[in-house]
Structures are given as C-alpha cells and as structure tokens.
Amino acid sequence: MEIQFNITTHDKFVEAVKNPDKYPELLVRVSGYTAYFKDLNPQMQKEIIDRTEYLLSTGKMIPFEPFLLHER
C-alpha cells in the first residue's frame, strides 16, 4: 500500500484547472514523482481532484461530486 499526500483543498485544484496561470507552482505527488499540476494532462488532473479529501481534525472524508472534464 502507498499513500501520497497533497496538502491543499479540493477547491484549489478545481480553481487551478480553470485558471492555471494563478497556480504556476502548485506541486502534486503522482505515482512516486512530483509534478506541476498545470503540466499534467486533463485526465490526470481529474484523477487528482477526484481523490478523497479528509479533515485532519476528525479524520472523516469530505464528499464531493466527481469533477467533470471539459475541453480546454
């Protein structure tokens, strides 16, 4: 089992898809390597956005609707 942490919010990832120039240095862990979120293909961005988010204070999952891919 492998756990990869991305310490940011779901909303920030969604905003980074809509406005990548506002988040040029947003880094994410992807399968053992680090990448700039803006450089990932749309399908990989969706994969990261759809990952589960947890509240650190309670350890409980935060439910979100699946992110819809749109053509750029």
C-alpha atoms as a PDB file:
ATOM      1  CA  MET A   1       0.000   0.000   0.000  1.00  0.00           C
ATOM      2  CA  GLU A   2       1.181   3.503  -0.768  1.00  0.00           C
ATOM      3  CA  ILE A   3      -0.173   6.819   0.483  1.00  0.00           C
ATOM      4  CA  GLN A   4       0.542  10.080  -1.316  1.00  0.00           C
ATOM      5  CA  PHE A   5      -0.387  13.330   0.363  1.00  0.00           C
ATOM      6  CA  ASN A   6      -1.295  16.531  -1.447  1.00  0.00           C
ATOM      7  CA  ILE A   7      -1.808  19.218   1.171  1.00  0.00           C
ATOM      8  CA  THR A   8      -4.260  21.600  -0.459  1.00  0.00           C
ATOM      9  CA  THR A   9      -8.000  21.821  -0.909  1.00  0.00           C
ATOM     10  CA  HIS A  10     -10.313  20.290  -3.459  1.00  0.00           C
ATOM     11  CA  ASP A  11     -11.463  23.795  -4.412  1.00  0.00           C
ATOM     12  CA  LYS A  12      -7.907  24.972  -5.058  1.00  0.00           C
ATOM     13  CA  PHE A  13      -7.354  22.104  -7.511  1.00  0.00           C
ATOM     14  CA  VAL A  14     -10.592  22.941  -9.331  1.00  0.00           C
ATOM     15  CA  GLU A  15      -9.587  26.609  -9.472  1.00  0.00           C
ATOM     16  CA  ALA A  16      -6.145  25.610 -10.793  1.00  0.00           C
ATOM     17  CA  VAL A  17      -7.784  23.816 -13.724  1.00  0.00           C
ATOM     18  CA  LYS A  18      -9.860  26.892 -14.535  1.00  0.00           C
ATOM     19  CA  ASN A  19      -7.012  29.399 -14.018  1.00  0.00           C
ATOM     20  CA  PRO A  20      -3.658  27.611 -14.356  1.00  0.00           C
ATOM     21  CA  ASP A  21      -1.744  30.906 -14.571  1.00  0.00           C
ATOM     22  CA  LYS A  22      -2.798  31.704 -10.994  1.00  0.00           C
ATOM     23  CA  TYR A  23      -1.200  28.469  -9.722  1.00  0.00           C
ATOM     24  CA  PRO A  24       2.070  28.021 -11.654  1.00  0.00           C
ATOM     25  CA  GLU A  25       3.887  26.414  -8.714  1.00  0.00           C
ATOM     26  CA  LEU A  26       1.190  24.047  -7.430  1.00  0.00           C
ATOM     27  CA  LEU A  27       3.016  20.728  -6.986  1.00  0.00           C
ATOM     28  CA  VAL A  28       1.427  17.295  -6.596  1.00  0.00           C
ATOM     29  CA  ARG A  29       2.678  13.785  -5.915  1.00  0.00           C
ATOM     30  CA  VAL A  30       1.841  11.361  -8.708  1.00  0.00           C
ATOM     31  CA  SER A  31       2.865   7.695  -8.524  1.00  0.00           C
ATOM     32  CA  GLY A  32       6.169   8.356  -6.793  1.00  0.00           C
ATOM     33  CA  TYR A  33       7.185  11.566  -8.535  1.00  0.00           C
ATOM     34  CA  THR A  34       6.405  15.254  -8.119  1.00  0.00           C
ATOM     35  CA  ALA A  35       4.860  17.288 -10.938  1.00  0.00           C
ATOM     36  CA  TYR A  36       3.437  20.726 -11.538  1.00  0.00           C
ATOM     37  CA  PHE A  37      -0.336  20.388 -11.563  1.00  0.00           C
ATOM     38  CA  LYS A  38      -0.675  22.703 -14.579  1.00  0.00           C
ATOM     39  CA  ASP A  39       1.591  20.413 -16.631  1.00  0.00           C
ATOM     40  CA  LEU A  40      -0.499  17.288 -16.090  1.00  0.00           C
ATOM     41  CA  ASN A  41      -2.907  16.180 -18.781  1.00  0.00           C
ATOM     42  CA  PRO A  42      -6.616  16.808 -18.064  1.00  0.00           C
ATOM     43  CA  GLN A  43      -7.324  13.157 -17.216  1.00  0.00           C
ATOM     44  CA  MET A  44      -4.556  13.098 -14.578  1.00  0.00           C
ATOM     45  CA  GLN A  45      -5.779  16.420 -13.141  1.00  0.00           C
ATOM     46  CA  LYS A  46      -9.252  14.868 -12.837  1.00  0.00           C
ATOM     47  CA  GLU A  47      -7.765  11.816 -11.110  1.00  0.00           C
ATOM     48  CA  ILE A  48      -6.103  14.029  -8.506  1.00  0.00           C
ATOM     49  CA  ILE A  49      -9.203  16.184  -7.996  1.00  0.00           C
ATOM     50  CA  ASP A  50     -11.381  13.095  -7.520  1.00  0.00           C
ATOM     51  CA  ARG A  51      -9.122  11.659  -4.808  1.00  0.00           C
ATOM     52  CA  THR A  52     -10.622  11.587  -1.362  1.00  0.00           C
ATOM     53  CA  GLU A  53     -10.117  14.576   0.930  1.00  0.00           C
ATOM     54  CA  TYR A  54     -10.128  14.195   4.714  1.00  0.00           C
ATOM     55  CA  LEU A  55     -10.479  16.650   7.565  1.00  0.00           C
ATOM     56  CA  LEU A  56      -7.342  16.491   9.679  1.00  0.00           C
ATOM     57  CA  SER A  57      -9.305  17.416  12.817  1.00  0.00           C
ATOM     58  CA  THR A  58     -11.704  14.462  12.597  1.00  0.00           C
ATOM     59  CA  GLY A  59     -10.211  12.067  10.058  1.00  0.00           C
ATOM     60  CA  LYS A  60     -13.560  11.999   8.251  1.00  0.00           C
ATOM     61  CA  MET A  61     -13.917  12.022   4.483  1.00  0.00           C
ATOM     62  CA  ILE A  62     -15.288  15.133   2.752  1.00  0.00           C
ATOM     63  CA  PRO A  63     -17.708  14.084  -0.017  1.00  0.00           C
ATOM     64  CA  PHE A  64     -17.515  15.840  -3.405  1.00  0.00           C
ATOM     65  CA  GLU A  65     -19.246  15.368  -6.727  1.00  0.00           C
ATOM     66  CA  PRO A  66     -16.953  13.851  -9.395  1.00  0.00           C
ATOM     67  CA  PHE A  67     -15.048  16.506 -11.342  1.00  0.00           C
ATOM     68  CA  LEU A  68     -16.261  16.857 -14.939  1.00  0.00           C
ATOM     69  CA  LEU A  69     -13.661  17.115 -17.668  1.00  0.00           C
ATOM     70  CA  HIS A  70     -14.145  19.921 -20.161  1.00  0.00           C
ATOM     71  CA  GLU A  71     -12.267  20.578 -23.349  1.00  0.00           C
ATOM     72  CA  ARG A  72      -9.734  23.354 -22.971  1.00  0.00           C
END
